[in-house]
Amino acid sequence: MEEAARQDARPQGTAAGRHRQMMRIARWALALAACVALYALLDFAGVPWWVRSELPKLVAERAGATASLGEVHFNPFTCVLELGDFELRRDARPPLLGFAGLIVDLGFWRSLGGTLQFDAIGLAEPFARIVIDREGRLNLAELFPSQVGHQATPPFHIGRLTVKQGRLDFKARASWTCSARRNSSNGVTR
């Protein structure tokens, strides 16, 4: 009986004990790797699928316009979203807004503090077609009519904003009058 008690008191340094411990560690490592792989698969494929399917619905619902979108990529490990070839159209007319590329780098961990943090936003070749009609209405104002009771924009911070090769087409169809006055002493028109 004393010998059995001594054997139980000995450390489990046997090969079988070490093997069980290694197998337990291996199972946990495999489970962790499976979770990371599932996270990556869902985000690398799931987020682009969701953006492609929901963005046109959201634009149609909120702006009464049609949105088209090219490539969508999301890296779940860096929290970077890339959108390509976006256009916003109304009817069969040329697009009102768009861009060739948009990269949004979300500062995920800093955003947990309550303020949405963007480390960087890069916009490549954005364009807008602004038209003021004969009645003096702005075409872009029709996209987002004022809504009673809408929620305020939550606080956010953008670390770096980059815009490359933007284009703005402006056309005024309204008849505006402008008064000019000439200063006779220096010939400057105001």
C-alpha atoms as a PDB file:
ATOM      1  CA  MET A   1       0.000   0.000   0.000  1.00  0.00           C
ATOM      2  CA  GLU A   2       2.827   2.392   0.839  1.00  0.00           C
ATOM      3  CA  GLU A   3       4.443   1.637  -2.462  1.00  0.00           C
ATOM      4  CA  ALA A   4       1.243   2.563  -4.364  1.00  0.00           C
ATOM      5  CA  ALA A   5       1.086   5.875  -2.496  1.00  0.00           C
ATOM      6  CA  ARG A   6       4.713   6.597  -3.411  1.00  0.00           C
ATOM      7  CA  GLN A   7       4.021   5.887  -7.073  1.00  0.00           C
ATOM      8  CA  ASP A   8       1.037   8.270  -7.052  1.00  0.00           C
ATOM      9  CA  ALA A   9       3.181  10.972  -5.432  1.00  0.00           C
ATOM     10  CA  ARG A  10       5.826  10.699  -8.175  1.00  0.00           C
ATOM     11  CA  PRO A  11       5.627  13.290 -10.964  1.00  0.00           C
ATOM     12  CA  GLN A  12       4.018  12.070 -14.150  1.00  0.00           C
ATOM     13  CA  GLY A  13       7.200  12.217 -16.209  1.00  0.00           C
ATOM     14  CA  THR A  14       6.478   9.046 -18.073  1.00  0.00           C
ATOM     15  CA  ALA A  15       6.371   8.913 -21.834  1.00  0.00           C
ATOM     16  CA  ALA A  16       2.623   8.258 -21.824  1.00  0.00           C
ATOM     17  CA  GLY A  17       1.973  11.375 -19.696  1.00  0.00           C
ATOM     18  CA  ARG A  18       4.093  13.580 -21.943  1.00  0.00           C
ATOM     19  CA  HIS A  19       2.362  12.142 -25.011  1.00  0.00           C
ATOM     20  CA  ARG A  20      -1.087  12.975 -23.577  1.00  0.00           C
ATOM     21  CA  GLN A  21       0.052  16.506 -22.767  1.00  0.00           C
ATOM     22  CA  MET A  22       1.481  17.010 -26.275  1.00  0.00           C
ATOM     23  CA  MET A  23      -1.727  15.695 -27.834  1.00  0.00           C
ATOM     24  CA  ARG A  24      -3.766  18.144 -25.748  1.00  0.00           C
ATOM     25  CA  ILE A  25      -1.553  21.047 -26.877  1.00  0.00           C
ATOM     26  CA  ALA A  26      -1.766  19.866 -30.490  1.00  0.00           C
ATOM     27  CA  ARG A  27      -5.592  19.741 -30.321  1.00  0.00           C
ATOM     28  CA  TRP A  28      -5.732  23.293 -28.941  1.00  0.00           C
ATOM     29  CA  ALA A  29      -3.296  24.522 -31.606  1.00  0.00           C
ATOM     30  CA  LEU A  30      -5.336  22.830 -34.319  1.00  0.00           C
ATOM     31  CA  ALA A  31      -8.568  24.359 -32.976  1.00  0.00           C
ATOM     32  CA  LEU A  32      -6.955  27.808 -32.882  1.00  0.00           C
ATOM     33  CA  ALA A  33      -5.615  27.416 -36.438  1.00  0.00           C
ATOM     34  CA  ALA A  34      -9.073  26.307 -37.613  1.00  0.00           C
ATOM     35  CA  CYS A  35     -10.661  29.387 -35.998  1.00  0.00           C
ATOM     36  CA  VAL A  36      -8.123  31.727 -37.626  1.00  0.00           C
ATOM     37  CA  ALA A  37      -8.620  30.009 -41.004  1.00  0.00           C
ATOM     38  CA  LEU A  38     -12.414  30.285 -40.697  1.00  0.00           C
ATOM     39  CA  TYR A  39     -12.123  33.959 -39.692  1.00  0.00           C
ATOM     40  CA  ALA A  40      -9.886  34.644 -42.683  1.00  0.00           C
ATOM     41  CA  LEU A  41     -12.111  32.734 -45.105  1.00  0.00           C
ATOM     42  CA  LEU A  42     -15.283  34.440 -43.927  1.00  0.00           C
ATOM     43  CA  ASP A  43     -13.736  37.897 -44.027  1.00  0.00           C
ATOM     44  CA  PHE A  44     -11.642  37.578 -47.190  1.00  0.00           C
ATOM     45  CA  ALA A  45     -14.668  36.210 -49.077  1.00  0.00           C
ATOM     46  CA  GLY A  46     -17.659  37.187 -46.923  1.00  0.00           C
ATOM     47  CA  VAL A  47     -17.082  40.925 -46.565  1.00  0.00           C
ATOM     48  CA  PRO A  48     -16.602  41.521 -50.333  1.00  0.00           C
ATOM     49  CA  TRP A  49     -19.698  39.439 -51.070  1.00  0.00           C
ATOM     50  CA  TRP A  50     -21.721  41.396 -48.500  1.00  0.00           C
ATOM     51  CA  VAL A  51     -20.512  44.794 -49.814  1.00  0.00           C
ATOM     52  CA  ARG A  52     -21.286  43.826 -53.433  1.00  0.00           C
ATOM     53  CA  SER A  53     -24.783  42.629 -52.533  1.00  0.00           C
ATOM     54  CA  GLU A  54     -25.791  45.291 -49.964  1.00  0.00           C
ATOM     55  CA  LEU A  55     -24.259  48.509 -51.339  1.00  0.00           C
ATOM     56  CA  PRO A  56     -26.533  48.667 -54.423  1.00  0.00           C
ATOM     57  CA  LYS A  57     -29.592  48.001 -52.229  1.00  0.00           C
ATOM     58  CA  LEU A  58     -28.569  50.687 -49.759  1.00  0.00           C
ATOM     59  CA  VAL A  59     -27.927  53.262 -52.493  1.00  0.00           C
ATOM     60  CA  ALA A  60     -31.247  52.470 -54.200  1.00  0.00           C
ATOM     61  CA  GLU A  61     -33.118  52.752 -50.891  1.00  0.00           C
ATOM     62  CA  ARG A  62     -31.463  55.897 -49.580  1.00  0.00           C
ATOM     63  CA  ALA A  63     -30.586  57.810 -52.749  1.00  0.00           C
ATOM     64  CA  GLY A  64     -32.977  56.457 -55.366  1.00  0.00           C
ATOM     65  CA  ALA A  65     -30.017  55.790 -57.651  1.00  0.00           C
ATOM     66  CA  THR A  66     -28.149  52.846 -59.117  1.00  0.00           C
ATOM     67  CA  ALA A  67     -24.690  51.928 -57.888  1.00  0.00           C
ATOM     68  CA  SER A  68     -22.212  49.800 -59.762  1.00  0.00           C
ATOM     69  CA  LEU A  69     -19.077  48.457 -58.161  1.00  0.00           C
ATOM     70  CA  GLY A  70     -16.068  46.630 -59.548  1.00  0.00           C
ATOM     71  CA  GLU A  71     -13.523  44.834 -57.405  1.00  0.00           C
ATOM     72  CA  VAL A  72     -13.940  44.537 -53.640  1.00  0.00           C
ATOM     73  CA  HIS A  73     -11.176  43.254 -51.353  1.00  0.00           C
ATOM     74  CA  PHE A  74     -10.977  43.073 -47.577  1.00  0.00           C
ATOM     75  CA  ASN A  75      -8.056  41.989 -45.426  1.00  0.00           C
ATOM     76  CA  PRO A  76      -9.372  40.922 -42.017  1.00  0.00           C
ATOM     77  CA  PHE A  77      -5.931  40.979 -40.410  1.00  0.00           C
ATOM     78  CA  THR A  78      -5.148  44.603 -41.313  1.00  0.00           C
ATOM     79  CA  CYS A  79      -8.798  45.805 -41.511  1.00  0.00           C
ATOM     80  CA  VAL A  80      -8.237  47.342 -44.955  1.00  0.00           C
ATOM     81  CA  LEU A  81     -11.142  47.563 -47.410  1.00  0.00           C
ATOM     82  CA  GLU A  82     -10.501  48.252 -51.113  1.00  0.00           C
ATOM     83  CA  LEU A  83     -13.249  49.184 -53.584  1.00  0.00           C
ATOM     84  CA  GLY A  84     -12.751  49.710 -57.297  1.00  0.00           C
ATOM     85  CA  ASP A  85     -14.672  51.267 -60.165  1.00  0.00           C
ATOM     86  CA  PHE A  86     -17.644  52.701 -58.274  1.00  0.00           C
ATOM     87  CA  GLU A  87     -20.315  54.711 -60.122  1.00  0.00           C
ATOM     88  CA  LEU A  88     -23.556  56.233 -58.918  1.00  0.00           C
ATOM     89  CA  ARG A  89     -26.140  56.823 -61.647  1.00  0.00           C
ATOM     90  CA  ARG A  90     -29.621  58.155 -61.926  1.00  0.00           C
ATOM     91  CA  ASP A  91     -31.601  57.120 -64.989  1.00  0.00           C
ATOM     92  CA  ALA A  92     -29.624  56.572 -68.198  1.00  0.00           C
ATOM     93  CA  ARG A  93     -27.631  59.772 -67.830  1.00  0.00           C
ATOM     94  CA  PRO A  94     -23.866  59.807 -67.230  1.00  0.00           C
ATOM     95  CA  PRO A  95     -22.777  58.911 -63.674  1.00  0.00           C
ATOM     96  CA  LEU A  96     -23.179  61.555 -60.975  1.00  0.00           C
ATOM     97  CA  LEU A  97     -20.401  60.365 -58.676  1.00  0.00           C
ATOM     98  CA  GLY A  98     -17.717  57.753 -58.718  1.00  0.00           C
ATOM     99  CA  PHE A  99     -14.123  56.786 -58.257  1.00  0.00           C
ATOM    100  CA  ALA A 100     -11.569  54.404 -59.704  1.00  0.00           C
ATOM    101  CA  GLY A 101     -10.391  53.241 -56.301  1.00  0.00           C
ATOM    102  CA  LEU A 102     -11.027  53.665 -52.591  1.00  0.00           C
ATOM    103  CA  ILE A 103      -8.864  52.255 -49.822  1.00  0.00           C
ATOM    104  CA  VAL A 104     -10.095  52.494 -46.235  1.00  0.00           C
ATOM    105  CA  ASP A 105      -7.703  51.498 -43.450  1.00  0.00           C
ATOM    106  CA  LEU A 106      -9.806  51.123 -40.313  1.00  0.00           C
ATOM    107  CA  GLY A 107      -7.987  51.563 -37.023  1.00  0.00           C
ATOM    108  CA  PHE A 108      -9.992  48.735 -35.462  1.00  0.00           C
ATOM    109  CA  TRP A 109      -8.485  48.649 -31.971  1.00  0.00           C
ATOM    110  CA  ARG A 110      -8.546  52.435 -31.608  1.00  0.00           C
ATOM    111  CA  SER A 111     -12.198  52.442 -32.749  1.00  0.00           C
ATOM    112  CA  LEU A 112     -13.213  50.339 -29.761  1.00  0.00           C
ATOM    113  CA  GLY A 113     -12.909  53.469 -27.615  1.00  0.00           C
ATOM    114  CA  GLY A 114     -16.144  54.908 -29.045  1.00  0.00           C
ATOM    115  CA  THR A 115     -14.858  57.141 -31.846  1.00  0.00           C
ATOM    116  CA  LEU A 116     -14.566  55.540 -35.258  1.00  0.00           C
ATOM    117  CA  GLN A 117     -10.880  55.742 -36.246  1.00  0.00           C
ATOM    118  CA  PHE A 118      -9.606  55.569 -39.816  1.00  0.00           C
ATOM    119  CA  ASP A 119      -5.832  55.345 -40.058  1.00  0.00           C
ATOM    120  CA  ALA A 120      -5.987  56.321 -43.733  1.00  0.00           C
ATOM    121  CA  ILE A 121      -8.473  56.839 -46.540  1.00  0.00           C
ATOM    122  CA  GLY A 122      -7.214  57.003 -50.107  1.00  0.00           C
ATOM    123  CA  LEU A 123      -9.403  58.007 -53.035  1.00  0.00           C
ATOM    124  CA  ALA A 124      -8.145  57.571 -56.610  1.00  0.00           C
ATOM    125  CA  GLU A 125      -9.664  59.412 -59.550  1.00  0.00           C
ATOM    126  CA  PRO A 126     -12.874  60.573 -57.886  1.00  0.00           C
ATOM    127  CA  PHE A 127     -15.349  62.445 -60.041  1.00  0.00           C
ATOM    128  CA  ALA A 128     -18.604  64.307 -59.639  1.00  0.00           C
ATOM    129  CA  ARG A 129     -20.996  65.739 -62.212  1.00  0.00           C
ATOM    130  CA  ILE A 130     -22.722  68.724 -60.656  1.00  0.00           C
ATOM    131  CA  VAL A 131     -25.658  70.302 -62.457  1.00  0.00           C
ATOM    132  CA  ILE A 132     -27.801  73.201 -61.324  1.00  0.00           C
ATOM    133  CA  ASP A 133     -31.082  73.102 -63.224  1.00  0.00           C
ATOM    134  CA  ARG A 134     -33.115  76.060 -64.472  1.00  0.00           C
ATOM    135  CA  GLU A 135     -34.961  76.304 -61.157  1.00  0.00           C
ATOM    136  CA  GLY A 136     -31.661  76.495 -59.269  1.00  0.00           C
ATOM    137  CA  ARG A 137     -31.786  72.952 -57.801  1.00  0.00           C
ATOM    138  CA  LEU A 138     -28.595  70.993 -57.333  1.00  0.00           C
ATOM    139  CA  ASN A 139     -28.662  67.467 -58.790  1.00  0.00           C
ATOM    140  CA  LEU A 140     -26.704  65.963 -55.906  1.00  0.00           C
ATOM    141  CA  ALA A 141     -29.154  67.384 -53.357  1.00  0.00           C
ATOM    142  CA  GLU A 142     -31.861  65.197 -54.922  1.00  0.00           C
ATOM    143  CA  LEU A 143     -29.854  62.087 -54.047  1.00  0.00           C
ATOM    144  CA  PHE A 144     -30.072  62.611 -50.319  1.00  0.00           C
ATOM    145  CA  PRO A 145     -33.197  64.549 -49.444  1.00  0.00           C
ATOM    146  CA  SER A 146     -33.346  65.850 -45.909  1.00  0.00           C
ATOM    147  CA  GLN A 147     -35.002  63.353 -43.638  1.00  0.00           C
ATOM    148  CA  VAL A 148     -36.876  64.328 -40.534  1.00  0.00           C
ATOM    149  CA  GLY A 149     -35.649  62.509 -37.457  1.00  0.00           C
ATOM    150  CA  HIS A 150     -32.472  61.091 -38.997  1.00  0.00           C
ATOM    151  CA  GLN A 151     -29.624  60.253 -36.659  1.00  0.00           C
ATOM    152  CA  ALA A 152     -26.589  62.457 -36.346  1.00  0.00           C
ATOM    153  CA  THR A 153     -23.285  61.253 -37.766  1.00  0.00           C
ATOM    154  CA  PRO A 154     -21.276  59.458 -35.083  1.00  0.00           C
ATOM    155  CA  PRO A 155     -17.893  60.951 -34.176  1.00  0.00           C
ATOM    156  CA  PHE A 156     -14.986  59.798 -36.328  1.00  0.00           C
ATOM    157  CA  HIS A 157     -11.323  60.605 -36.943  1.00  0.00           C
ATOM    158  CA  ILE A 158      -9.315  60.290 -40.168  1.00  0.00           C
ATOM    159  CA  GLY A 159      -5.551  60.049 -39.704  1.00  0.00           C
ATOM    160  CA  ARG A 160      -4.600  60.652 -43.364  1.00  0.00           C
ATOM    161  CA  LEU A 161      -6.809  61.497 -46.339  1.00  0.00           C
ATOM    162  CA  THR A 162      -5.380  61.223 -49.850  1.00  0.00           C
ATOM    163  CA  VAL A 163      -7.171  62.218 -53.054  1.00  0.00           C
ATOM    164  CA  LYS A 164      -5.456  61.672 -56.403  1.00  0.00           C
ATOM    165  CA  GLN A 165      -6.521  62.983 -59.816  1.00  0.00           C
ATOM    166  CA  GLY A 166     -10.022  64.171 -58.958  1.00  0.00           C
ATOM    167  CA  ARG A 167     -12.394  65.644 -61.548  1.00  0.00           C
ATOM    168  CA  LEU A 168     -15.400  67.913 -61.104  1.00  0.00           C
ATOM    169  CA  ASP A 169     -17.761  68.662 -63.999  1.00  0.00           C
ATOM    170  CA  PHE A 170     -19.996  71.638 -63.325  1.00  0.00           C
ATOM    171  CA  LYS A 171     -22.891  72.891 -65.404  1.00  0.00           C
ATOM    172  CA  ALA A 172     -25.311  75.647 -64.435  1.00  0.00           C
ATOM    173  CA  ARG A 173     -28.512  75.848 -66.429  1.00  0.00           C
ATOM    174  CA  ALA A 174     -30.058  78.476 -64.183  1.00  0.00           C
ATOM    175  CA  SER A 175     -29.973  82.092 -65.303  1.00  0.00           C
ATOM    176  CA  TRP A 176     -28.037  83.928 -62.655  1.00  0.00           C
ATOM    177  CA  THR A 177     -27.423  87.619 -62.478  1.00  0.00           C
ATOM    178  CA  CYS A 178     -24.310  89.081 -61.024  1.00  0.00           C
ATOM    179  CA  SER A 179     -23.648  92.729 -60.433  1.00  0.00           C
ATOM    180  CA  ALA A 180     -20.151  94.025 -60.996  1.00  0.00           C
ATOM    181  CA  ARG A 181     -18.805  97.342 -59.906  1.00  0.00           C
ATOM    182  CA  ARG A 182     -15.669  98.931 -61.265  1.00  0.00           C
ATOM    183  CA  ASN A 183     -13.374 100.847 -58.978  1.00  0.00           C
ATOM    184  CA  SER A 184     -12.292 103.796 -61.086  1.00  0.00           C
ATOM    185  CA  SER A 185      -9.080 104.445 -59.165  1.00  0.00           C
ATOM    186  CA  ASN A 186      -7.367 101.064 -59.880  1.00  0.00           C
ATOM    187  CA  GLY A 187      -9.504  99.488 -62.631  1.00  0.00           C
ATOM    188  CA  VAL A 188     -10.375  96.434 -60.515  1.00  0.00           C
ATOM    189  CA  THR A 189     -13.763  94.836 -61.096  1.00  0.00           C
ATOM    190  CA  ARG A 190     -15.552  93.451 -58.075  1.00  0.00           C
END
